């Protein structure tokens, strides 16, 4: 997306995850791909049993997937 934005080419089109589009200055999201062609990535996070800082890991995982970051994830294009 950065290369697309820097190209300055009129009518240039790119295709990537909406989260990358929304956070790249100089490009505009115009719509989703048709059903069957959409790009989806599933993310998962969990603290490891052998973590050096298990409490901190739990806090990070809760922050990433919890209510306090919900609006930020929606604004970035994540589907909840």
PDB file of N, CA and C in Angstrom:
ATOM      1  N   UNK A   1       0.809  -1.187   0.000  1.00  0.00           N
ATOM      2  CA  UNK A   1       0.000   0.000   0.000  1.00  0.00           C
ATOM      3  C   UNK A   1       0.858   1.258   0.000  1.00  0.00           C
ATOM      4  N   UNK A   2       1.983   1.223   0.697  1.00  0.00           N
ATOM      5  CA  UNK A   2       2.868   2.404   0.672  1.00  0.00           C
ATOM      6  C   UNK A   2       3.376   2.663  -0.742  1.00  0.00           C
ATOM      7  N   UNK A   3       3.746   1.606  -1.449  1.00  0.00           N
ATOM      8  CA  UNK A   3       4.239   1.765  -2.822  1.00  0.00           C
ATOM      9  C   UNK A   3       3.126   2.282  -3.721  1.00  0.00           C
ATOM     10  N   UNK A   4       1.924   1.797  -3.514  1.00  0.00           N
ATOM     11  CA  UNK A   4       0.781   2.260  -4.298  1.00  0.00           C
ATOM     12  C   UNK A   4       0.547   3.744  -4.048  1.00  0.00           C
ATOM     13  N   UNK A   5       0.572   4.140  -2.782  1.00  0.00           N
ATOM     14  CA  UNK A   5       0.362   5.546  -2.447  1.00  0.00           C
ATOM     15  C   UNK A   5       1.469   6.424  -3.031  1.00  0.00           C
ATOM     16  N   UNK A   6       2.695   5.938  -3.010  1.00  0.00           N
ATOM     17  CA  UNK A   6       3.837   6.715  -3.501  1.00  0.00           C
ATOM     18  C   UNK A   6       3.885   6.796  -5.022  1.00  0.00           C
ATOM     19  N   UNK A   7       3.205   5.866  -5.697  1.00  0.00           N
ATOM     20  CA  UNK A   7       3.299   5.829  -7.156  1.00  0.00           C
ATOM     21  C   UNK A   7       2.683   7.055  -7.813  1.00  0.00           C
ATOM     22  N   UNK A   8       1.629   7.590  -7.209  1.00  0.00           N
ATOM     23  CA  UNK A   8       0.977   8.749  -7.800  1.00  0.00           C
ATOM     24  C   UNK A   8       0.262   8.441  -9.097  1.00  0.00           C
ATOM     25  N   UNK A   9       0.175   7.175  -9.453  1.00  0.00           N
ATOM     26  CA  UNK A   9      -0.455   6.780 -10.716  1.00  0.00           C
ATOM     27  C   UNK A   9      -1.973   6.909 -10.607  1.00  0.00           C
ATOM     28  N   UNK A  10      -2.583   7.739 -11.452  1.00  0.00           N
ATOM     29  CA  UNK A  10      -4.042   7.890 -11.408  1.00  0.00           C
ATOM     30  C   UNK A  10      -4.743   6.564 -11.721  1.00  0.00           C
ATOM     31  N   UNK A  11      -5.742   6.254 -10.963  1.00  0.00           N
ATOM     32  CA  UNK A  11      -6.522   5.038 -11.205  1.00  0.00           C
ATOM     33  C   UNK A  11      -5.868   3.761 -10.737  1.00  0.00           C
ATOM     34  N   UNK A  12      -4.724   3.848 -10.061  1.00  0.00           N
ATOM     35  CA  UNK A  12      -4.049   2.637  -9.573  1.00  0.00           C
ATOM     36  C   UNK A  12      -4.937   1.934  -8.549  1.00  0.00           C
ATOM     37  N   UNK A  13      -4.904   0.611  -8.584  1.00  0.00           N
ATOM     38  CA  UNK A  13      -5.735  -0.194  -7.685  1.00  0.00           C
ATOM     39  C   UNK A  13      -4.850  -1.200  -6.968  1.00  0.00           C
ATOM     40  N   UNK A  14      -5.119  -1.394  -5.703  1.00  0.00           N
ATOM     41  CA  UNK A  14      -4.392  -2.390  -4.925  1.00  0.00           C
ATOM     42  C   UNK A  14      -5.369  -3.257  -4.168  1.00  0.00           C
ATOM     43  N   UNK A  15      -4.900  -4.377  -3.722  1.00  0.00           N
ATOM     44  CA  UNK A  15      -5.759  -5.309  -2.998  1.00  0.00           C
ATOM     45  C   UNK A  15      -4.966  -5.895  -1.828  1.00  0.00           C
ATOM     46  N   UNK A  16      -5.436  -5.661  -0.631  1.00  0.00           N
ATOM     47  CA  UNK A  16      -4.814  -6.215   0.564  1.00  0.00           C
ATOM     48  C   UNK A  16      -5.833  -6.171   1.695  1.00  0.00           C
ATOM     49  N   UNK A  17      -5.394  -6.499   2.881  1.00  0.00           N
ATOM     50  CA  UNK A  17      -6.303  -6.502   4.019  1.00  0.00           C
ATOM     51  C   UNK A  17      -6.721  -5.076   4.369  1.00  0.00           C
ATOM     52  N   UNK A  18      -7.972  -4.931   4.764  1.00  0.00           N
ATOM     53  CA  UNK A  18      -8.524  -3.614   5.069  1.00  0.00           C
ATOM     54  C   UNK A  18      -7.731  -2.923   6.172  1.00  0.00           C
ATOM     55  N   UNK A  19      -7.183  -3.683   7.104  1.00  0.00           N
ATOM     56  CA  UNK A  19      -6.398  -3.077   8.181  1.00  0.00           C
ATOM     57  C   UNK A  19      -5.172  -2.365   7.634  1.00  0.00           C
ATOM     58  N   UNK A  20      -4.574  -2.888   6.584  1.00  0.00           N
ATOM     59  CA  UNK A  20      -3.410  -2.234   5.978  1.00  0.00           C
ATOM     60  C   UNK A  20      -3.839  -1.004   5.192  1.00  0.00           C
ATOM     61  N   UNK A  21      -4.956  -1.085   4.521  1.00  0.00           N
ATOM     62  CA  UNK A  21      -5.455   0.047   3.732  1.00  0.00           C
ATOM     63  C   UNK A  21      -5.775   1.224   4.637  1.00  0.00           C
ATOM     64  N   UNK A  22      -6.487   0.956   5.724  1.00  0.00           N
ATOM     65  CA  UNK A  22      -6.936   2.041   6.603  1.00  0.00           C
ATOM     66  C   UNK A  22      -5.792   2.773   7.302  1.00  0.00           C
ATOM     67  N   UNK A  23      -4.661   2.114   7.458  1.00  0.00           N
ATOM     68  CA  UNK A  23      -3.551   2.743   8.165  1.00  0.00           C
ATOM     69  C   UNK A  23      -2.428   3.198   7.233  1.00  0.00           C
ATOM     70  N   UNK A  24      -2.707   3.251   5.924  1.00  0.00           N
ATOM     71  CA  UNK A  24      -1.708   3.725   4.971  1.00  0.00           C
ATOM     72  C   UNK A  24      -2.154   5.077   4.416  1.00  0.00           C
ATOM     73  N   UNK A  25      -1.449   6.144   4.771  1.00  0.00           N
ATOM     74  CA  UNK A  25      -1.792   7.457   4.220  1.00  0.00           C
ATOM     75  C   UNK A  25      -1.637   7.456   2.693  1.00  0.00           C
ATOM     76  N   UNK A  26      -2.588   8.099   2.029  1.00  0.00           N
ATOM     77  CA  UNK A  26      -2.490   8.236   0.580  1.00  0.00           C
ATOM     78  C   UNK A  26      -3.282   7.216  -0.210  1.00  0.00           C
ATOM     79  N   UNK A  27      -3.897   6.248   0.476  1.00  0.00           N
ATOM     80  CA  UNK A  27      -4.785   5.298  -0.217  1.00  0.00           C
ATOM     81  C   UNK A  27      -6.172   5.387   0.418  1.00  0.00           C
ATOM     82  N   UNK A  28      -7.173   5.013  -0.342  1.00  0.00           N
ATOM     83  CA  UNK A  28      -8.549   5.084   0.126  1.00  0.00           C
ATOM     84  C   UNK A  28      -9.223   3.740  -0.067  1.00  0.00           C
ATOM     85  N   UNK A  29      -9.849   3.267   0.970  1.00  0.00           N
ATOM     86  CA  UNK A  29     -10.634   2.032   0.875  1.00  0.00           C
ATOM     87  C   UNK A  29     -11.922   2.350   0.119  1.00  0.00           C
ATOM     88  N   UNK A  30     -12.187   1.610  -0.958  1.00  0.00           N
ATOM     89  CA  UNK A  30     -13.393   1.876  -1.738  1.00  0.00           C
ATOM     90  C   UNK A  30     -14.446   0.795  -1.589  1.00  0.00           C
ATOM     91  N   UNK A  31     -14.075  -0.355  -1.040  1.00  0.00           N
ATOM     92  CA  UNK A  31     -15.068  -1.389  -0.830  1.00  0.00           C
ATOM     93  C   UNK A  31     -14.433  -2.741  -0.609  1.00  0.00           C
ATOM     94  N   UNK A  32     -15.275  -3.669  -0.234  1.00  0.00           N
ATOM     95  CA  UNK A  32     -14.828  -5.040   0.021  1.00  0.00           C
ATOM     96  C   UNK A  32     -14.858  -5.846  -1.277  1.00  0.00           C
ATOM     97  N   UNK A  33     -14.052  -6.876  -1.311  1.00  0.00           N
ATOM     98  CA  UNK A  33     -14.099  -7.797  -2.442  1.00  0.00           C
ATOM     99  C   UNK A  33     -15.411  -8.581  -2.395  1.00  0.00           C
ATOM    100  N   UNK A  34     -15.900  -9.062  -3.518  1.00  0.00           N
ATOM    101  CA  UNK A  34     -17.131  -9.846  -3.529  1.00  0.00           C
ATOM    102  C   UNK A  34     -16.980 -11.115  -2.682  1.00  0.00           C
ATOM    103  N   UNK A  35     -18.089 -11.590  -2.157  1.00  0.00           N
ATOM    104  CA  UNK A  35     -18.086 -12.811  -1.357  1.00  0.00           C
ATOM    105  C   UNK A  35     -17.416 -13.939  -2.136  1.00  0.00           C
ATOM    106  N   UNK A  36     -16.570 -14.666  -1.451  1.00  0.00           N
ATOM    107  CA  UNK A  36     -15.821 -15.732  -2.080  1.00  0.00           C
ATOM    108  C   UNK A  36     -14.424 -15.309  -2.490  1.00  0.00           C
ATOM    109  N   UNK A  37     -14.207 -13.998  -2.578  1.00  0.00           N
ATOM    110  CA  UNK A  37     -12.896 -13.464  -2.945  1.00  0.00           C
ATOM    111  C   UNK A  37     -12.271 -12.658  -1.809  1.00  0.00           C
ATOM    112  N   UNK A  38     -13.021 -12.499  -0.727  1.00  0.00           N
ATOM    113  CA  UNK A  38     -12.518 -11.683   0.370  1.00  0.00           C
ATOM    114  C   UNK A  38     -11.287 -12.323   1.012  1.00  0.00           C
ATOM    115  N   UNK A  39     -10.483 -11.469   1.628  1.00  0.00           N
ATOM    116  CA  UNK A  39      -9.279 -11.912   2.321  1.00  0.00           C
ATOM    117  C   UNK A  39      -9.586 -11.936   3.819  1.00  0.00           C
ATOM    118  N   UNK A  40      -9.384 -13.067   4.461  1.00  0.00           N
ATOM    119  CA  UNK A  40      -9.642 -13.167   5.895  1.00  0.00           C
ATOM    120  C   UNK A  40      -8.443 -13.799   6.580  1.00  0.00           C
ATOM    121  N   UNK A  41      -8.084 -13.230   7.706  1.00  0.00           N
ATOM    122  CA  UNK A  41      -7.007 -13.768   8.525  1.00  0.00           C
ATOM    123  C   UNK A  41      -7.535 -13.917   9.940  1.00  0.00           C
ATOM    124  N   UNK A  42      -7.383 -15.078  10.507  1.00  0.00           N
ATOM    125  CA  UNK A  42      -7.808 -15.320  11.888  1.00  0.00           C
ATOM    126  C   UNK A  42      -6.601 -15.102  12.790  1.00  0.00           C
ATOM    127  N   UNK A  43      -6.787 -14.302  13.824  1.00  0.00           N
ATOM    128  CA  UNK A  43      -5.724 -14.045  14.792  1.00  0.00           C
ATOM    129  C   UNK A  43      -6.081 -14.696  16.122  1.00  0.00           C
ATOM    130  N   UNK A  44      -5.089 -15.204  16.802  1.00  0.00           N
ATOM    131  CA  UNK A  44      -5.279 -15.782  18.132  1.00  0.00           C
ATOM    132  C   UNK A  44      -4.097 -15.375  19.002  1.00  0.00           C
ATOM    133  N   UNK A  45      -4.341 -15.203  20.287  1.00  0.00           N
ATOM    134  CA  UNK A  45      -3.280 -14.857  21.227  1.00  0.00           C
ATOM    135  C   UNK A  45      -3.528 -15.590  22.528  1.00  0.00           C
ATOM    136  N   UNK A  46      -2.463 -16.059  23.136  1.00  0.00           N
ATOM    137  CA  UNK A  46      -2.560 -16.746  24.420  1.00  0.00           C
ATOM    138  C   UNK A  46      -1.202 -16.686  25.107  1.00  0.00           C
ATOM    139  N   UNK A  47      -1.205 -16.534  26.426  1.00  0.00           N
ATOM    140  CA  UNK A  47       0.069 -16.581  27.141  1.00  0.00           C
ATOM    141  C   UNK A  47       0.586 -18.019  27.189  1.00  0.00           C
ATOM    142  N   UNK A  48       1.885 -18.198  27.079  1.00  0.00           N
ATOM    143  CA  UNK A  48       2.488 -19.524  27.152  1.00  0.00           C
ATOM    144  C   UNK A  48       2.599 -19.971  28.609  1.00  0.00           C
ATOM    145  N   UNK A  49       2.465 -21.248  28.823  1.00  0.00           N
ATOM    146  CA  UNK A  49       2.616 -21.796  30.176  1.00  0.00           C
ATOM    147  C   UNK A  49       4.004 -21.495  30.730  1.00  0.00           C
ATOM    148  N   UNK A  50       5.016 -21.492  29.886  1.00  0.00           N
ATOM    149  CA  UNK A  50       6.389 -21.282  30.311  1.00  0.00           C
ATOM    150  C   UNK A  50       6.807 -19.809  30.221  1.00  0.00           C
ATOM    151  N   UNK A  51       5.848 -18.912  30.149  1.00  0.00           N
ATOM    152  CA  UNK A  51       6.159 -17.490  30.027  1.00  0.00           C
ATOM    153  C   UNK A  51       6.972 -16.999  31.225  1.00  0.00           C
ATOM    154  N   UNK A  52       7.932 -16.131  30.946  1.00  0.00           N
ATOM    155  CA  UNK A  52       8.741 -15.535  32.009  1.00  0.00           C
ATOM    156  C   UNK A  52       7.901 -14.551  32.821  1.00  0.00           C
ATOM    157  N   UNK A  53       6.960 -13.898  32.154  1.00  0.00           N
ATOM    158  CA  UNK A  53       6.080 -12.923  32.801  1.00  0.00           C
ATOM    159  C   UNK A  53       4.620 -13.273  32.511  1.00  0.00           C
ATOM    160  N   UNK A  54       4.086 -14.345  33.100  1.00  0.00           N
ATOM    161  CA  UNK A  54       2.733 -14.789  32.764  1.00  0.00           C
ATOM    162  C   UNK A  54       1.651 -13.749  33.066  1.00  0.00           C
ATOM    163  N   UNK A  55       1.795 -13.005  34.136  1.00  0.00           N
ATOM    164  CA  UNK A  55       0.787 -11.995  34.459  1.00  0.00           C
ATOM    165  C   UNK A  55       0.768 -10.897  33.398  1.00  0.00           C
ATOM    166  N   UNK A  56       1.942 -10.448  32.977  1.00  0.00           N
ATOM    167  CA  UNK A  56       2.023  -9.421  31.930  1.00  0.00           C
ATOM    168  C   UNK A  56       1.479  -9.960  30.609  1.00  0.00           C
ATOM    169  N   UNK A  57       1.765 -11.217  30.317  1.00  0.00           N
ATOM    170  CA  UNK A  57       1.250 -11.833  29.084  1.00  0.00           C
ATOM    171  C   UNK A  57      -0.271 -11.878  29.105  1.00  0.00           C
ATOM    172  N   UNK A  58      -0.858 -12.225  30.230  1.00  0.00           N
ATOM    173  CA  UNK A  58      -2.327 -12.255  30.339  1.00  0.00           C
ATOM    174  C   UNK A  58      -2.921 -10.860  30.149  1.00  0.00           C
ATOM    175  N   UNK A  59      -2.267  -9.854  30.719  1.00  0.00           N
ATOM    176  CA  UNK A  59      -2.743  -8.477  30.560  1.00  0.00           C
ATOM    177  C   UNK A  59      -2.704  -8.066  29.087  1.00  0.00           C
ATOM    178  N   UNK A  60      -1.622  -8.396  28.407  1.00  0.00           N
ATOM    179  CA  UNK A  60      -1.501  -8.052  26.984  1.00  0.00           C
ATOM    180  C   UNK A  60      -2.580  -8.752  26.158  1.00  0.00           C
ATOM    181  N   UNK A  61      -2.775 -10.041  26.383  1.00  0.00           N
ATOM    182  CA  UNK A  61      -3.788 -10.787  25.633  1.00  0.00           C
ATOM    183  C   UNK A  61      -5.174 -10.210  25.903  1.00  0.00           C
ATOM    184  N   UNK A  62      -5.462  -9.881  27.146  1.00  0.00           N
ATOM    185  CA  UNK A  62      -6.765  -9.297  27.488  1.00  0.00           C
ATOM    186  C   UNK A  62      -6.929  -7.938  26.808  1.00  0.00           C
ATOM    187  N   UNK A  63      -5.868  -7.149  26.783  1.00  0.00           N
ATOM    188  CA  UNK A  63      -5.960  -5.836  26.144  1.00  0.00           C
ATOM    189  C   UNK A  63      -6.194  -5.984  24.646  1.00  0.00           C
ATOM    190  N   UNK A  64      -5.464  -6.895  24.001  1.00  0.00           N
ATOM    191  CA  UNK A  64      -5.590  -7.089  22.554  1.00  0.00           C
ATOM    192  C   UNK A  64      -6.997  -7.535  22.156  1.00  0.00           C
ATOM    193  N   UNK A  65      -7.607  -8.402  22.952  1.00  0.00           N
ATOM    194  CA  UNK A  65      -8.902  -8.952  22.561  1.00  0.00           C
ATOM    195  C   UNK A  65     -10.065  -8.499  23.408  1.00  0.00           C
ATOM    196  N   UNK A  66      -9.811  -7.657  24.392  1.00  0.00           N
ATOM    197  CA  UNK A  66     -10.850  -7.261  25.332  1.00  0.00           C
ATOM    198  C   UNK A  66     -11.617  -6.019  24.914  1.00  0.00           C
ATOM    199  N   UNK A  67     -12.507  -5.627  25.785  1.00  0.00           N
ATOM    200  CA  UNK A  67     -13.403  -4.511  25.528  1.00  0.00           C
ATOM    201  C   UNK A  67     -12.720  -3.161  25.392  1.00  0.00           C
ATOM    202  N   UNK A  68     -11.594  -2.967  26.090  1.00  0.00           N
ATOM    203  CA  UNK A  68     -10.939  -1.652  26.035  1.00  0.00           C
ATOM    204  C   UNK A  68     -10.372  -1.348  24.656  1.00  0.00           C
ATOM    205  N   UNK A  69     -10.047  -2.362  23.863  1.00  0.00           N
ATOM    206  CA  UNK A  69      -9.501  -2.117  22.524  1.00  0.00           C
ATOM    207  C   UNK A  69     -10.518  -2.405  21.416  1.00  0.00           C
ATOM    208  N   UNK A  70     -11.746  -2.708  21.790  1.00  0.00           N
ATOM    209  CA  UNK A  70     -12.784  -3.074  20.815  1.00  0.00           C
ATOM    210  C   UNK A  70     -12.972  -1.990  19.741  1.00  0.00           C
ATOM    211  N   UNK A  71     -13.165  -0.753  20.167  1.00  0.00           N
ATOM    212  CA  UNK A  71     -13.408   0.339  19.211  1.00  0.00           C
ATOM    213  C   UNK A  71     -12.205   0.537  18.286  1.00  0.00           C
ATOM    214  N   UNK A  72     -11.006   0.405  18.829  1.00  0.00           N
ATOM    215  CA  UNK A  72      -9.794   0.545  18.023  1.00  0.00           C
ATOM    216  C   UNK A  72      -9.719  -0.550  16.964  1.00  0.00           C
ATOM    217  N   UNK A  73     -10.067  -1.781  17.340  1.00  0.00           N
ATOM    218  CA  UNK A  73     -10.046  -2.890  16.376  1.00  0.00           C
ATOM    219  C   UNK A  73     -11.099  -2.680  15.293  1.00  0.00           C
ATOM    220  N   UNK A  74     -12.274  -2.240  15.658  1.00  0.00           N
ATOM    221  CA  UNK A  74     -13.332  -1.976  14.666  1.00  0.00           C
ATOM    222  C   UNK A  74     -12.891  -0.873  13.713  1.00  0.00           C
ATOM    223  N   UNK A  75     -12.334   0.225  14.251  1.00  0.00           N
ATOM    224  CA  UNK A  75     -11.882   1.340  13.414  1.00  0.00           C
ATOM    225  C   UNK A  75     -10.794   0.892  12.436  1.00  0.00           C
ATOM    226  N   UNK A  76      -9.976  -0.066  12.846  1.00  0.00           N
ATOM    227  CA  UNK A  76      -8.908  -0.556  11.991  1.00  0.00           C
ATOM    228  C   UNK A  76      -9.366  -1.540  10.945  1.00  0.00           C
ATOM    229  N   UNK A  77     -10.622  -1.975  11.019  1.00  0.00           N
ATOM    230  CA  UNK A  77     -11.150  -2.884  10.001  1.00  0.00           C
ATOM    231  C   UNK A  77     -11.247  -4.322  10.421  1.00  0.00           C
ATOM    232  N   UNK A  78     -10.923  -4.596  11.683  1.00  0.00           N
ATOM    233  CA  UNK A  78     -11.066  -5.977  12.156  1.00  0.00           C
ATOM    234  C   UNK A  78     -12.531  -6.312  12.335  1.00  0.00           C
ATOM    235  N   UNK A  79     -12.921  -7.503  11.914  1.00  0.00           N
ATOM    236  CA  UNK A  79     -14.271  -8.001  12.160  1.00  0.00           C
ATOM    237  C   UNK A  79     -14.236  -8.774  13.459  1.00  0.00           C
ATOM    238  N   UNK A  80     -15.147  -8.472  14.324  1.00  0.00           N
ATOM    239  CA  UNK A  80     -15.173  -9.112  15.641  1.00  0.00           C
ATOM    240  C   UNK A  80     -16.174 -10.249  15.635  1.00  0.00           C
TER     241      UNK A  80
END
